[in-house]
Amino acid sequence: MKLIPDSKFLKVKYIPNYISLFRLLLIFPIIYLLEFNHLKYIWILLIIAGIADYLDGFIARKLNFKSTFGAIIDPLSDKVLILIPMIWLSIKEIIPYWSLSILLIREFIISALRITKRSGIPAIRSAKYKTFFQFISLIILFSPFDKEIFIEFGMIFYWISFILSIFSLLIYLRIK
């Protein structure tokens, strides 16, 4: 019986966590680019972040890998990568401040619920859809294509994600 697991296995096993950390680190160039209105590059980074989010979940499911660190870093990466650009959109008066305030309150409540559970609360399906629609809305709203239709579609996806945010919060509160 080995006391130390095979290091090759450990490296592969932790790939989802490395991807989540990478996503979290993407926020620094995004913040810098937001400061100087380089929307085209933010758009590219948001696409990369969305693909990375899908990949880390896919790989974690394939490897059947769950960790306490992953349960913390994955939703944290999602929240930061979504809320920072949304705050900027609210400052630019593209999305309403009141709706962003509700989203922030929702995220604080969900985070508090997860902290109170020893193993965390797994993401429910409607929350996963919420995150998907939030990423899509951001990708569309930060699109380098200067057409009014993109803002309209981005806002449609934003409001879908907003409704899913409220719906999933109610489900989480019922679970608790």
C-alpha atoms as a PDB file:
ATOM      1  CA  MET A   1       0.000   0.000   0.000  1.00  0.00           C
ATOM      2  CA  LYS A   2       1.388   3.372  -1.060  1.00  0.00           C
ATOM      3  CA  LEU A   3       1.261   6.195   1.436  1.00  0.00           C
ATOM      4  CA  ILE A   4       1.946   8.792  -1.251  1.00  0.00           C
ATOM      5  CA  PRO A   5      -0.320   8.681  -4.313  1.00  0.00           C
ATOM      6  CA  ASP A   6       1.228   8.668  -7.766  1.00  0.00           C
ATOM      7  CA  SER A   7       2.299  12.255  -8.544  1.00  0.00           C
ATOM      8  CA  LYS A   8       1.253  11.886 -12.178  1.00  0.00           C
ATOM      9  CA  PHE A   9      -2.314  11.173 -11.013  1.00  0.00           C
ATOM     10  CA  LEU A  10      -2.257  14.177  -8.690  1.00  0.00           C
ATOM     11  CA  LYS A  11      -1.298  16.518 -11.499  1.00  0.00           C
ATOM     12  CA  VAL A  12      -4.132  15.326 -13.746  1.00  0.00           C
ATOM     13  CA  LYS A  13      -6.582  15.170 -10.883  1.00  0.00           C
ATOM     14  CA  TYR A  14      -6.099  18.847  -9.998  1.00  0.00           C
ATOM     15  CA  ILE A  15      -6.454  20.220 -13.527  1.00  0.00           C
ATOM     16  CA  PRO A  16     -10.000  21.529 -12.813  1.00  0.00           C
ATOM     17  CA  ASN A  17      -8.651  23.514  -9.836  1.00  0.00           C
ATOM     18  CA  TYR A  18      -5.793  24.917 -11.917  1.00  0.00           C
ATOM     19  CA  ILE A  19      -8.309  26.013 -14.560  1.00  0.00           C
ATOM     20  CA  SER A  20     -10.478  27.664 -11.896  1.00  0.00           C
ATOM     21  CA  LEU A  21      -7.427  29.503 -10.546  1.00  0.00           C
ATOM     22  CA  PHE A  22      -6.579  30.609 -14.081  1.00  0.00           C
ATOM     23  CA  ARG A  23     -10.126  31.974 -14.449  1.00  0.00           C
ATOM     24  CA  LEU A  24      -9.804  33.854 -11.178  1.00  0.00           C
ATOM     25  CA  LEU A  25      -6.512  35.397 -12.313  1.00  0.00           C
ATOM     26  CA  LEU A  26      -8.166  36.601 -15.529  1.00  0.00           C
ATOM     27  CA  ILE A  27      -9.958  39.243 -13.490  1.00  0.00           C
ATOM     28  CA  PHE A  28      -6.784  41.317 -13.139  1.00  0.00           C
ATOM     29  CA  PRO A  29      -6.318  42.005 -16.852  1.00  0.00           C
ATOM     30  CA  ILE A  30     -10.093  42.469 -17.145  1.00  0.00           C
ATOM     31  CA  ILE A  31     -10.056  45.153 -14.437  1.00  0.00           C
ATOM     32  CA  TYR A  32      -7.133  46.883 -16.127  1.00  0.00           C
ATOM     33  CA  LEU A  33      -8.848  46.743 -19.529  1.00  0.00           C
ATOM     34  CA  LEU A  34     -12.141  48.017 -18.086  1.00  0.00           C
ATOM     35  CA  GLU A  35     -10.312  51.012 -16.670  1.00  0.00           C
ATOM     36  CA  PHE A  36      -9.176  51.984 -20.172  1.00  0.00           C
ATOM     37  CA  ASN A  37     -12.316  50.852 -22.091  1.00  0.00           C
ATOM     38  CA  HIS A  38     -10.527  48.195 -24.146  1.00  0.00           C
ATOM     39  CA  LEU A  39     -13.773  46.297 -24.734  1.00  0.00           C
ATOM     40  CA  LYS A  40     -12.482  44.109 -27.564  1.00  0.00           C
ATOM     41  CA  TYR A  41      -9.881  42.515 -25.289  1.00  0.00           C
ATOM     42  CA  ILE A  42     -12.372  42.122 -22.442  1.00  0.00           C
ATOM     43  CA  TRP A  43     -14.654  40.348 -24.898  1.00  0.00           C
ATOM     44  CA  ILE A  44     -11.856  37.909 -25.775  1.00  0.00           C
ATOM     45  CA  LEU A  45     -11.021  37.285 -22.105  1.00  0.00           C
ATOM     46  CA  LEU A  46     -14.684  36.682 -21.257  1.00  0.00           C
ATOM     47  CA  ILE A  47     -14.919  34.104 -24.045  1.00  0.00           C
ATOM     48  CA  ILE A  48     -11.770  32.408 -22.715  1.00  0.00           C
ATOM     49  CA  ALA A  49     -13.203  32.492 -19.172  1.00  0.00           C
ATOM     50  CA  GLY A  50     -16.504  30.984 -20.334  1.00  0.00           C
ATOM     51  CA  ILE A  51     -14.739  28.163 -22.184  1.00  0.00           C
ATOM     52  CA  ALA A  52     -12.468  27.566 -19.184  1.00  0.00           C
ATOM     53  CA  ASP A  53     -15.513  27.439 -16.885  1.00  0.00           C
ATOM     54  CA  TYR A  54     -17.061  24.754 -19.060  1.00  0.00           C
ATOM     55  CA  LEU A  55     -13.768  22.833 -19.265  1.00  0.00           C
ATOM     56  CA  ASP A  56     -13.069  22.735 -15.548  1.00  0.00           C
ATOM     57  CA  GLY A  57     -16.553  21.377 -14.858  1.00  0.00           C
ATOM     58  CA  PHE A  58     -16.331  18.873 -17.697  1.00  0.00           C
ATOM     59  CA  ILE A  59     -12.924  17.578 -16.609  1.00  0.00           C
ATOM     60  CA  ALA A  60     -13.970  17.414 -12.947  1.00  0.00           C
ATOM     61  CA  ARG A  61     -17.016  15.316 -13.901  1.00  0.00           C
ATOM     62  CA  LYS A  62     -14.949  13.045 -16.177  1.00  0.00           C
ATOM     63  CA  LEU A  63     -12.344  12.485 -13.445  1.00  0.00           C
ATOM     64  CA  ASN A  64     -15.068  12.303 -10.805  1.00  0.00           C
ATOM     65  CA  PHE A  65     -13.005  14.818  -8.846  1.00  0.00           C
ATOM     66  CA  LYS A  66     -14.449  16.878  -6.029  1.00  0.00           C
ATOM     67  CA  SER A  67     -12.420  18.894  -3.576  1.00  0.00           C
ATOM     68  CA  THR A  68     -13.136  21.448  -0.905  1.00  0.00           C
ATOM     69  CA  PHE A  69     -10.762  23.851  -2.654  1.00  0.00           C
ATOM     70  CA  GLY A  70     -12.581  23.336  -5.970  1.00  0.00           C
ATOM     71  CA  ALA A  71     -15.954  23.863  -4.279  1.00  0.00           C
ATOM     72  CA  ILE A  72     -14.686  27.264  -3.124  1.00  0.00           C
ATOM     73  CA  ILE A  73     -12.568  28.457  -6.058  1.00  0.00           C
ATOM     74  CA  ASP A  74     -14.964  27.535  -8.896  1.00  0.00           C
ATOM     75  CA  PRO A  75     -18.005  29.565  -7.724  1.00  0.00           C
ATOM     76  CA  LEU A  76     -15.691  32.358  -6.532  1.00  0.00           C
ATOM     77  CA  SER A  77     -14.156  32.561 -10.016  1.00  0.00           C
ATOM     78  CA  ASP A  78     -17.626  32.684 -11.557  1.00  0.00           C
ATOM     79  CA  LYS A  79     -18.801  35.427  -9.221  1.00  0.00           C
ATOM     80  CA  VAL A  80     -15.745  37.636  -9.703  1.00  0.00           C
ATOM     81  CA  LEU A  81     -15.616  37.190 -13.489  1.00  0.00           C
ATOM     82  CA  ILE A  82     -19.292  38.035 -13.802  1.00  0.00           C
ATOM     83  CA  LEU A  83     -19.842  40.717 -11.174  1.00  0.00           C
ATOM     84  CA  ILE A  84     -16.834  42.955 -11.910  1.00  0.00           C
ATOM     85  CA  PRO A  85     -17.837  43.502 -15.579  1.00  0.00           C
ATOM     86  CA  MET A  86     -21.475  43.906 -14.479  1.00  0.00           C
ATOM     87  CA  ILE A  87     -20.467  46.627 -12.036  1.00  0.00           C
ATOM     88  CA  TRP A  88     -18.737  48.410 -14.921  1.00  0.00           C
ATOM     89  CA  LEU A  89     -21.867  47.988 -17.075  1.00  0.00           C
ATOM     90  CA  SER A  90     -23.940  49.473 -14.264  1.00  0.00           C
ATOM     91  CA  ILE A  91     -21.572  52.453 -13.931  1.00  0.00           C
ATOM     92  CA  LYS A  92     -21.933  52.993 -17.694  1.00  0.00           C
ATOM     93  CA  GLU A  93     -25.733  52.828 -17.180  1.00  0.00           C
ATOM     94  CA  ILE A  94     -26.132  49.823 -19.463  1.00  0.00           C
ATOM     95  CA  ILE A  95     -27.635  47.616 -16.770  1.00  0.00           C
ATOM     96  CA  PRO A  96     -29.755  49.107 -13.967  1.00  0.00           C
ATOM     97  CA  TYR A  97     -28.074  49.606 -10.624  1.00  0.00           C
ATOM     98  CA  TRP A  98     -31.078  48.219  -8.723  1.00  0.00           C
ATOM     99  CA  SER A  99     -30.901  44.881 -10.556  1.00  0.00           C
ATOM    100  CA  LEU A 100     -27.157  44.581  -9.946  1.00  0.00           C
ATOM    101  CA  SER A 101     -27.763  45.335  -6.260  1.00  0.00           C
ATOM    102  CA  ILE A 102     -30.231  42.448  -6.082  1.00  0.00           C
ATOM    103  CA  LEU A 103     -27.716  40.151  -7.816  1.00  0.00           C
ATOM    104  CA  LEU A 104     -25.021  41.139  -5.319  1.00  0.00           C
ATOM    105  CA  ILE A 105     -27.351  40.480  -2.376  1.00  0.00           C
ATOM    106  CA  ARG A 106     -28.222  37.086  -3.903  1.00  0.00           C
ATOM    107  CA  GLU A 107     -24.547  36.173  -4.212  1.00  0.00           C
ATOM    108  CA  PHE A 108     -23.864  37.162  -0.588  1.00  0.00           C
ATOM    109  CA  ILE A 109     -26.803  35.047   0.605  1.00  0.00           C
ATOM    110  CA  ILE A 110     -25.706  32.001  -1.440  1.00  0.00           C
ATOM    111  CA  SER A 111     -22.111  32.396  -0.229  1.00  0.00           C
ATOM    112  CA  ALA A 112     -23.307  32.576   3.382  1.00  0.00           C
ATOM    113  CA  LEU A 113     -25.414  29.445   2.889  1.00  0.00           C
ATOM    114  CA  ARG A 114     -22.438  27.597   1.417  1.00  0.00           C
ATOM    115  CA  ILE A 115     -20.218  28.572   4.341  1.00  0.00           C
ATOM    116  CA  THR A 116     -22.718  27.191   6.852  1.00  0.00           C
ATOM    117  CA  LYS A 117     -22.721  23.783   5.159  1.00  0.00           C
ATOM    118  CA  ARG A 118     -19.597  21.727   5.862  1.00  0.00           C
ATOM    119  CA  SER A 119     -19.402  20.241   2.361  1.00  0.00           C
ATOM    120  CA  GLY A 120     -20.917  23.260   0.641  1.00  0.00           C
ATOM    121  CA  ILE A 121     -24.115  23.375  -1.330  1.00  0.00           C
ATOM    122  CA  PRO A 122     -23.788  21.960  -4.819  1.00  0.00           C
ATOM    123  CA  ALA A 123     -24.903  24.191  -7.655  1.00  0.00           C
ATOM    124  CA  ILE A 124     -28.454  23.491  -8.761  1.00  0.00           C
ATOM    125  CA  ARG A 125     -29.395  23.342 -12.419  1.00  0.00           C
ATOM    126  CA  SER A 126     -31.119  26.743 -12.518  1.00  0.00           C
ATOM    127  CA  ALA A 127     -28.005  28.356 -10.981  1.00  0.00           C
ATOM    128  CA  LYS A 128     -25.849  26.754 -13.682  1.00  0.00           C
ATOM    129  CA  TYR A 129     -28.208  28.152 -16.338  1.00  0.00           C
ATOM    130  CA  LYS A 130     -28.034  31.526 -14.594  1.00  0.00           C
ATOM    131  CA  THR A 131     -24.256  31.525 -14.862  1.00  0.00           C
ATOM    132  CA  PHE A 132     -24.438  30.452 -18.512  1.00  0.00           C
ATOM    133  CA  PHE A 133     -26.845  33.285 -19.382  1.00  0.00           C
ATOM    134  CA  GLN A 134     -24.747  35.783 -17.422  1.00  0.00           C
ATOM    135  CA  PHE A 135     -21.632  34.815 -19.383  1.00  0.00           C
ATOM    136  CA  ILE A 136     -23.549  35.003 -22.673  1.00  0.00           C
ATOM    137  CA  SER A 137     -24.966  38.423 -21.793  1.00  0.00           C
ATOM    138  CA  LEU A 138     -21.498  39.729 -20.930  1.00  0.00           C
ATOM    139  CA  ILE A 139     -19.965  38.302 -24.085  1.00  0.00           C
ATOM    140  CA  ILE A 140     -22.674  39.949 -26.177  1.00  0.00           C
ATOM    141  CA  LEU A 141     -22.603  43.260 -24.274  1.00  0.00           C
ATOM    142  CA  PHE A 142     -18.805  43.488 -24.572  1.00  0.00           C
ATOM    143  CA  SER A 143     -18.872  42.439 -28.201  1.00  0.00           C
ATOM    144  CA  PRO A 144     -16.673  44.636 -30.407  1.00  0.00           C
ATOM    145  CA  PHE A 145     -19.451  44.817 -32.990  1.00  0.00           C
ATOM    146  CA  ASP A 146     -21.016  48.254 -32.746  1.00  0.00           C
ATOM    147  CA  LYS A 147     -24.646  47.439 -33.370  1.00  0.00           C
ATOM    148  CA  GLU A 148     -27.657  48.298 -31.233  1.00  0.00           C
ATOM    149  CA  ILE A 149     -28.993  44.761 -31.753  1.00  0.00           C
ATOM    150  CA  PHE A 150     -26.099  43.363 -29.705  1.00  0.00           C
ATOM    151  CA  ILE A 151     -27.041  45.508 -26.727  1.00  0.00           C
ATOM    152  CA  GLU A 152     -30.680  44.441 -27.075  1.00  0.00           C
ATOM    153  CA  PHE A 153     -29.765  40.739 -27.209  1.00  0.00           C
ATOM    154  CA  GLY A 154     -27.249  41.153 -24.396  1.00  0.00           C
ATOM    155  CA  MET A 155     -29.943  42.737 -22.241  1.00  0.00           C
ATOM    156  CA  ILE A 156     -32.413  39.946 -23.057  1.00  0.00           C
ATOM    157  CA  PHE A 157     -29.858  37.404 -21.829  1.00  0.00           C
ATOM    158  CA  TYR A 158     -29.135  39.601 -18.809  1.00  0.00           C
ATOM    159  CA  TRP A 159     -32.819  39.667 -17.803  1.00  0.00           C
ATOM    160  CA  ILE A 160     -33.132  35.913 -18.325  1.00  0.00           C
ATOM    161  CA  SER A 161     -30.132  35.450 -16.015  1.00  0.00           C
ATOM    162  CA  PHE A 162     -31.680  37.895 -13.529  1.00  0.00           C
ATOM    163  CA  ILE A 163     -34.920  35.899 -13.365  1.00  0.00           C
ATOM    164  CA  LEU A 164     -32.936  32.652 -13.017  1.00  0.00           C
ATOM    165  CA  SER A 165     -30.928  34.295 -10.207  1.00  0.00           C
ATOM    166  CA  ILE A 166     -34.075  35.043  -8.228  1.00  0.00           C
ATOM    167  CA  PHE A 167     -35.570  31.615  -8.993  1.00  0.00           C
ATOM    168  CA  SER A 168     -32.407  29.762  -7.955  1.00  0.00           C
ATOM    169  CA  LEU A 169     -32.120  31.852  -4.764  1.00  0.00           C
ATOM    170  CA  LEU A 170     -35.615  30.752  -3.765  1.00  0.00           C
ATOM    171  CA  ILE A 171     -34.670  27.121  -4.386  1.00  0.00           C
ATOM    172  CA  TYR A 172     -31.465  27.484  -2.344  1.00  0.00           C
ATOM    173  CA  LEU A 173     -33.429  29.039   0.510  1.00  0.00           C
ATOM    174  CA  ARG A 174     -35.832  26.076   0.403  1.00  0.00           C
ATOM    175  CA  ILE A 175     -32.906  23.621   0.458  1.00  0.00           C
ATOM    176  CA  LYS A 176     -31.359  25.324   3.487  1.00  0.00           C
END
